[in-house]
Each structure stands twice: as C-alpha cells, then as structure tokens.
C-alpha cells in the first residue's frame, strides 16, 4: 500500500520535465506532475516526484 505524503511546493516550483525542459503542472488529486506540451504525467510516490521518462504515463491531450 502506498501512502500519500505531501510534496514540498518549493520543490515543485523548481522541477521541469526531463528531456524537454517544459514547465510542469501539479495535479494533487492524481499525485502527478503534468507536462501538458509533451502529453506526459510523472508520478509522485510517497511525496517524491519520479522524473523518469520510462515511468511517465502518456495521455491524449498532447499538443503536437
């Protein structure tokens, strides 16, 4: 079972998407960092952002 720990807001302000360097949007409900431009969602596990492209979830809202 995974517990949800709060993620440091100051840390979230510093992070950008790996590879693309796009800004990220925090989705607190899904516990993900969203790269809207690339259409990738990076999980946050136990309060730790997992910034690996192989761990990212693709979604259909990609713009380009």
PDB file of N, CA and C in Angstrom:
ATOM      1  N   UNK A   1       0.844  -1.183   0.000  1.00  0.00           N
ATOM      2  CA  UNK A   1       0.000   0.000   0.000  1.00  0.00           C
ATOM      3  C   UNK A   1       0.885   1.240   0.000  1.00  0.00           C
ATOM      4  N   UNK A   2       0.593   2.182  -0.872  1.00  0.00           N
ATOM      5  CA  UNK A   2       1.348   3.421  -0.980  1.00  0.00           C
ATOM      6  C   UNK A   2       0.664   4.494  -0.153  1.00  0.00           C
ATOM      7  N   UNK A   3       1.416   5.162   0.700  1.00  0.00           N
ATOM      8  CA  UNK A   3       0.867   6.262   1.467  1.00  0.00           C
ATOM      9  C   UNK A   3       1.129   7.557   0.716  1.00  0.00           C
ATOM     10  N   UNK A   4       0.257   8.519   0.926  1.00  0.00           N
ATOM     11  CA  UNK A   4       0.417   9.807   0.262  1.00  0.00           C
ATOM     12  C   UNK A   4       1.073  10.770   1.236  1.00  0.00           C
ATOM     13  N   UNK A   5       2.247  11.252   0.875  1.00  0.00           N
ATOM     14  CA  UNK A   5       2.950  12.258   1.662  1.00  0.00           C
ATOM     15  C   UNK A   5       2.872  13.571   0.905  1.00  0.00           C
ATOM     16  N   UNK A   6       2.786  14.662   1.643  1.00  0.00           N
ATOM     17  CA  UNK A   6       2.758  15.957   0.937  1.00  0.00           C
ATOM     18  C   UNK A   6       4.081  16.214   0.225  1.00  0.00           C
ATOM     19  N   UNK A   7       3.986  16.798  -0.946  1.00  0.00           N
ATOM     20  CA  UNK A   7       5.164  17.154  -1.724  1.00  0.00           C
ATOM     21  C   UNK A   7       5.482  18.617  -1.465  1.00  0.00           C
ATOM     22  N   UNK A   8       6.750  18.921  -1.267  1.00  0.00           N
ATOM     23  CA  UNK A   8       7.189  20.276  -0.966  1.00  0.00           C
ATOM     24  C   UNK A   8       6.858  21.210  -2.136  1.00  0.00           C
ATOM     25  N   UNK A   9       6.025  22.222  -1.921  1.00  0.00           N
ATOM     26  CA  UNK A   9       5.661  23.139  -3.006  1.00  0.00           C
ATOM     27  C   UNK A   9       6.866  23.864  -3.611  1.00  0.00           C
ATOM     28  N   UNK A  10       7.866  24.170  -2.809  1.00  0.00           N
ATOM     29  CA  UNK A  10       9.057  24.853  -3.341  1.00  0.00           C
ATOM     30  C   UNK A  10       9.814  23.943  -4.298  1.00  0.00           C
ATOM     31  N   UNK A  11       9.843  22.654  -4.007  1.00  0.00           N
ATOM     32  CA  UNK A  11      10.469  21.684  -4.907  1.00  0.00           C
ATOM     33  C   UNK A  11       9.722  21.648  -6.236  1.00  0.00           C
ATOM     34  N   UNK A  12       8.399  21.640  -6.177  1.00  0.00           N
ATOM     35  CA  UNK A  12       7.589  21.575  -7.394  1.00  0.00           C
ATOM     36  C   UNK A  12       7.831  22.782  -8.298  1.00  0.00           C
ATOM     37  N   UNK A  13       8.099  23.944  -7.707  1.00  0.00           N
ATOM     38  CA  UNK A  13       8.358  25.149  -8.497  1.00  0.00           C
ATOM     39  C   UNK A  13       9.662  25.042  -9.287  1.00  0.00           C
ATOM     40  N   UNK A  14      10.604  24.261  -8.793  1.00  0.00           N
ATOM     41  CA  UNK A  14      11.917  24.139  -9.431  1.00  0.00           C
ATOM     42  C   UNK A  14      11.970  23.091 -10.537  1.00  0.00           C
ATOM     43  N   UNK A  15      11.071  22.124 -10.490  1.00  0.00           N
ATOM     44  CA  UNK A  15      11.142  20.998 -11.426  1.00  0.00           C
ATOM     45  C   UNK A  15      10.627  21.361 -12.809  1.00  0.00           C
ATOM     46  N   UNK A  16      11.275  20.813 -13.820  1.00  0.00           N
ATOM     47  CA  UNK A  16      10.818  20.882 -15.206  1.00  0.00           C
ATOM     48  C   UNK A  16      10.858  19.461 -15.760  1.00  0.00           C
ATOM     49  N   UNK A  17      10.190  19.254 -16.871  1.00  0.00           N
ATOM     50  CA  UNK A  17      10.137  17.927 -17.473  1.00  0.00           C
ATOM     51  C   UNK A  17      11.520  17.492 -17.960  1.00  0.00           C
ATOM     52  N   UNK A  18      11.877  16.243 -17.690  1.00  0.00           N
ATOM     53  CA  UNK A  18      13.159  15.753 -18.195  1.00  0.00           C
ATOM     54  C   UNK A  18      13.144  15.701 -19.723  1.00  0.00           C
ATOM     55  N   UNK A  19      14.249  16.005 -20.315  1.00  0.00           N
ATOM     56  CA  UNK A  19      14.362  15.988 -21.776  1.00  0.00           C
ATOM     57  C   UNK A  19      13.879  17.278 -22.398  1.00  0.00           C
ATOM     58  N   UNK A  20      12.593  17.571 -22.269  1.00  0.00           N
ATOM     59  CA  UNK A  20      12.010  18.733 -22.942  1.00  0.00           C
ATOM     60  C   UNK A  20      12.214  20.035 -22.184  1.00  0.00           C
ATOM     61  N   UNK A  21      12.404  19.980 -20.878  1.00  0.00           N
ATOM     62  CA  UNK A  21      12.518  21.159 -20.021  1.00  0.00           C
ATOM     63  C   UNK A  21      11.234  21.985 -19.991  1.00  0.00           C
ATOM     64  N   UNK A  22      10.107  21.369 -20.359  1.00  0.00           N
ATOM     65  CA  UNK A  22       8.813  22.048 -20.311  1.00  0.00           C
ATOM     66  C   UNK A  22       8.404  22.274 -18.856  1.00  0.00           C
ATOM     67  N   UNK A  23       7.612  23.319 -18.598  1.00  0.00           N
ATOM     68  CA  UNK A  23       7.087  23.522 -17.248  1.00  0.00           C
ATOM     69  C   UNK A  23       6.109  22.404 -16.893  1.00  0.00           C
ATOM     70  N   UNK A  24       5.972  22.151 -15.611  1.00  0.00           N
ATOM     71  CA  UNK A  24       5.092  21.084 -15.142  1.00  0.00           C
ATOM     72  C   UNK A  24       3.946  21.677 -14.329  1.00  0.00           C
ATOM     73  N   UNK A  25       2.806  21.009 -14.416  1.00  0.00           N
ATOM     74  CA  UNK A  25       1.620  21.386 -13.647  1.00  0.00           C
ATOM     75  C   UNK A  25       1.386  20.287 -12.613  1.00  0.00           C
ATOM     76  N   UNK A  26       1.142  20.661 -11.371  1.00  0.00           N
ATOM     77  CA  UNK A  26       0.930  19.702 -10.291  1.00  0.00           C
ATOM     78  C   UNK A  26      -0.534  19.320 -10.205  1.00  0.00           C
ATOM     79  N   UNK A  27      -0.826  18.032 -10.273  1.00  0.00           N
ATOM     80  CA  UNK A  27      -2.175  17.508 -10.088  1.00  0.00           C
ATOM     81  C   UNK A  27      -2.190  16.782  -8.748  1.00  0.00           C
ATOM     82  N   UNK A  28      -2.664  17.481  -7.705  1.00  0.00           N
ATOM     83  CA  UNK A  28      -2.640  16.935  -6.347  1.00  0.00           C
ATOM     84  C   UNK A  28      -3.527  15.703  -6.213  1.00  0.00           C
ATOM     85  N   UNK A  29      -4.667  15.693  -6.879  1.00  0.00           N
ATOM     86  CA  UNK A  29      -5.592  14.563  -6.761  1.00  0.00           C
ATOM     87  C   UNK A  29      -4.981  13.289  -7.341  1.00  0.00           C
ATOM     88  N   UNK A  30      -4.352  13.391  -8.515  1.00  0.00           N
ATOM     89  CA  UNK A  30      -3.752  12.225  -9.173  1.00  0.00           C
ATOM     90  C   UNK A  30      -2.338  11.951  -8.677  1.00  0.00           C
ATOM     91  N   UNK A  31      -1.774  12.897  -7.912  1.00  0.00           N
ATOM     92  CA  UNK A  31      -0.385  12.799  -7.455  1.00  0.00           C
ATOM     93  C   UNK A  31       0.554  12.619  -8.645  1.00  0.00           C
ATOM     94  N   UNK A  32       0.467  13.574  -9.576  1.00  0.00           N
ATOM     95  CA  UNK A  32       1.290  13.561 -10.787  1.00  0.00           C
ATOM     96  C   UNK A  32       1.762  14.974 -11.105  1.00  0.00           C
ATOM     97  N   UNK A  33       2.880  15.046 -11.811  1.00  0.00           N
ATOM     98  CA  UNK A  33       3.356  16.278 -12.407  1.00  0.00           C
ATOM     99  C   UNK A  33       3.106  16.159 -13.903  1.00  0.00           C
ATOM    100  N   UNK A  34       2.392  17.095 -14.461  1.00  0.00           N
ATOM    101  CA  UNK A  34       1.903  17.011 -15.833  1.00  0.00           C
ATOM    102  C   UNK A  34       2.713  17.911 -16.754  1.00  0.00           C
ATOM    103  N   UNK A  35       3.203  17.323 -17.847  1.00  0.00           N
ATOM    104  CA  UNK A  35       3.823  18.083 -18.945  1.00  0.00           C
ATOM    105  C   UNK A  35       2.752  18.148 -20.033  1.00  0.00           C
ATOM    106  N   UNK A  36       1.987  19.234 -20.037  1.00  0.00           N
ATOM    107  CA  UNK A  36       0.873  19.369 -20.986  1.00  0.00           C
ATOM    108  C   UNK A  36       1.338  19.403 -22.433  1.00  0.00           C
ATOM    109  N   UNK A  37       2.518  19.933 -22.692  1.00  0.00           N
ATOM    110  CA  UNK A  37       3.012  20.066 -24.061  1.00  0.00           C
ATOM    111  C   UNK A  37       3.386  18.698 -24.640  1.00  0.00           C
ATOM    112  N   UNK A  38       4.090  17.896 -23.866  1.00  0.00           N
ATOM    113  CA  UNK A  38       4.536  16.577 -24.337  1.00  0.00           C
ATOM    114  C   UNK A  38       3.501  15.488 -24.108  1.00  0.00           C
ATOM    115  N   UNK A  39       2.482  15.770 -23.305  1.00  0.00           N
ATOM    116  CA  UNK A  39       1.464  14.766 -23.031  1.00  0.00           C
ATOM    117  C   UNK A  39       1.953  13.665 -22.112  1.00  0.00           C
ATOM    118  N   UNK A  40       2.746  14.042 -21.095  1.00  0.00           N
ATOM    119  CA  UNK A  40       3.285  13.071 -20.151  1.00  0.00           C
ATOM    120  C   UNK A  40       2.893  13.462 -18.728  1.00  0.00           C
ATOM    121  N   UNK A  41       2.649  12.445 -17.908  1.00  0.00           N
ATOM    122  CA  UNK A  41       2.351  12.645 -16.499  1.00  0.00           C
ATOM    123  C   UNK A  41       3.348  11.834 -15.679  1.00  0.00           C
ATOM    124  N   UNK A  42       4.105  12.526 -14.828  1.00  0.00           N
ATOM    125  CA  UNK A  42       5.117  11.885 -13.999  1.00  0.00           C
ATOM    126  C   UNK A  42       4.532  11.625 -12.616  1.00  0.00           C
ATOM    127  N   UNK A  43       4.625  10.398 -12.122  1.00  0.00           N
ATOM    128  CA  UNK A  43       4.018  10.074 -10.825  1.00  0.00           C
ATOM    129  C   UNK A  43       4.789  10.667  -9.657  1.00  0.00           C
ATOM    130  N   UNK A  44       4.053  10.881  -8.580  1.00  0.00           N
ATOM    131  CA  UNK A  44       4.656  11.257  -7.305  1.00  0.00           C
ATOM    132  C   UNK A  44       4.350  10.117  -6.349  1.00  0.00           C
ATOM    133  N   UNK A  45       5.382   9.487  -5.824  1.00  0.00           N
ATOM    134  CA  UNK A  45       5.217   8.345  -4.920  1.00  0.00           C
ATOM    135  C   UNK A  45       5.809   8.685  -3.560  1.00  0.00           C
ATOM    136  N   UNK A  46       4.993   8.571  -2.536  1.00  0.00           N
ATOM    137  CA  UNK A  46       5.429   8.881  -1.171  1.00  0.00           C
ATOM    138  C   UNK A  46       6.047  10.270  -1.081  1.00  0.00           C
ATOM    139  N   UNK A  47       5.479  11.232  -1.822  1.00  0.00           N
ATOM    140  CA  UNK A  47       5.955  12.605  -1.783  1.00  0.00           C
ATOM    141  C   UNK A  47       7.167  12.884  -2.648  1.00  0.00           C
ATOM    142  N   UNK A  48       7.633  11.865  -3.394  1.00  0.00           N
ATOM    143  CA  UNK A  48       8.833  12.015  -4.214  1.00  0.00           C
ATOM    144  C   UNK A  48       8.455  11.974  -5.700  1.00  0.00           C
ATOM    145  N   UNK A  49       8.720  13.063  -6.442  1.00  0.00           N
ATOM    146  CA  UNK A  49       8.452  13.043  -7.884  1.00  0.00           C
ATOM    147  C   UNK A  49       9.386  12.058  -8.587  1.00  0.00           C
ATOM    148  N   UNK A  50       8.821  11.200  -9.406  1.00  0.00           N
ATOM    149  CA  UNK A  50       9.591  10.221 -10.180  1.00  0.00           C
ATOM    150  C   UNK A  50       9.768  10.810 -11.578  1.00  0.00           C
ATOM    151  N   UNK A  51      10.925  11.429 -11.799  1.00  0.00           N
ATOM    152  CA  UNK A  51      11.169  12.187 -13.020  1.00  0.00           C
ATOM    153  C   UNK A  51      11.919  11.354 -14.065  1.00  0.00           C
ATOM    154  N   UNK A  52      11.420  10.173 -14.314  1.00  0.00           N
ATOM    155  CA  UNK A  52      11.997   9.280 -15.321  1.00  0.00           C
ATOM    156  C   UNK A  52      10.994   9.134 -16.457  1.00  0.00           C
ATOM    157  N   UNK A  53      11.448   9.345 -17.676  1.00  0.00           N
ATOM    158  CA  UNK A  53      10.550   9.242 -18.829  1.00  0.00           C
ATOM    159  C   UNK A  53       9.933   7.850 -18.916  1.00  0.00           C
ATOM    160  N   UNK A  54      10.699   6.820 -18.561  1.00  0.00           N
ATOM    161  CA  UNK A  54      10.177   5.450 -18.597  1.00  0.00           C
ATOM    162  C   UNK A  54       9.050   5.219 -17.594  1.00  0.00           C
ATOM    163  N   UNK A  55       8.966   6.043 -16.564  1.00  0.00           N
ATOM    164  CA  UNK A  55       7.922   5.918 -15.546  1.00  0.00           C
ATOM    165  C   UNK A  55       6.706   6.805 -15.849  1.00  0.00           C
ATOM    166  N   UNK A  56       6.826   7.690 -16.820  1.00  0.00           N
ATOM    167  CA  UNK A  56       5.750   8.627 -17.137  1.00  0.00           C
ATOM    168  C   UNK A  56       4.604   7.919 -17.844  1.00  0.00           C
ATOM    169  N   UNK A  57       3.418   8.456 -17.612  1.00  0.00           N
ATOM    170  CA  UNK A  57       2.203   7.968 -18.268  1.00  0.00           C
ATOM    171  C   UNK A  57       1.889   8.917 -19.408  1.00  0.00           C
ATOM    172  N   UNK A  58       1.614   8.368 -20.598  1.00  0.00           N
ATOM    173  CA  UNK A  58       1.201   9.186 -21.743  1.00  0.00           C
ATOM    174  C   UNK A  58      -0.300   9.437 -21.645  1.00  0.00           C
ATOM    175  N   UNK A  59      -0.690  10.631 -22.067  1.00  0.00           N
ATOM    176  CA  UNK A  59      -2.127  10.904 -22.165  1.00  0.00           C
ATOM    177  C   UNK A  59      -2.414  11.596 -23.492  1.00  0.00           C
ATOM    178  N   UNK A  60      -3.665  11.584 -23.888  1.00  0.00           N
ATOM    179  CA  UNK A  60      -4.057  12.011 -25.235  1.00  0.00           C
ATOM    180  C   UNK A  60      -4.173  13.512 -25.439  1.00  0.00           C
ATOM    181  N   UNK A  61      -3.963  14.313 -24.396  1.00  0.00           N
ATOM    182  CA  UNK A  61      -4.126  15.754 -24.526  1.00  0.00           C
ATOM    183  C   UNK A  61      -2.887  16.445 -25.060  1.00  0.00           C
ATOM    184  N   UNK A  62      -1.931  15.691 -25.601  1.00  0.00           N
ATOM    185  CA  UNK A  62      -0.684  16.282 -26.109  1.00  0.00           C
ATOM    186  C   UNK A  62      -0.978  17.253 -27.242  1.00  0.00           C
ATOM    187  N   UNK A  63      -0.261  18.366 -27.247  1.00  0.00           N
ATOM    188  CA  UNK A  63      -0.444  19.395 -28.277  1.00  0.00           C
ATOM    189  C   UNK A  63       0.722  19.377 -29.218  1.00  0.00           C
ATOM    190  N   UNK A  64       0.700  18.498 -30.168  1.00  0.00           N
ATOM    191  CA  UNK A  64       1.772  18.475 -31.135  1.00  0.00           C
ATOM    192  C   UNK A  64       2.575  17.268 -30.985  1.00  0.00           C
TER     193      UNK A  64
END
